[in-house]
Amino acid sequence: MQSTRQNKICRLIQQDMGDIFLREMKSVLGPSLITVTGVRITPDLSIARIHVSIMVIGEGTPESILALIRENTPDLRRRLGLREGKQLRIIPHLEFYLDDSLDYIENIERLLKQ
């Protein structure tokens, strides 16, 4: 169970990372639509696990876009630090994971229609 402080930081990181993906990382990641679906942070606030849902527009796969995100993690952490530097003493290390819950839901719906 997360504390109130952890929940506040998770919401803050989720909002800021979504904005960073939308506005600042288009040149690096291409025209894909990246949505931050959830953030979990460790109790010591040192690691943020960020779950992203990726809709590929054009060529590529969600896994290839996730690999690009992981390559650019230091830049993403720097951009996050510029936004949250006043609220967090230490910017957490970022770990990105592909959120496959939408694929799971589609699979369940397809099975129910059969």
Foldseek 3Di string as FASTA:
>chain_A
DDDPVQVVVFVVCQVQLQVCVVPPCCVQLPPKRKHFPTWGADRVRAEIETEIEIDDDDDDDPVVSVVSCVVCQVVSQVSSCVVCVVPDVDRHRYHYDYDCVVVVVVVVVVVVVD
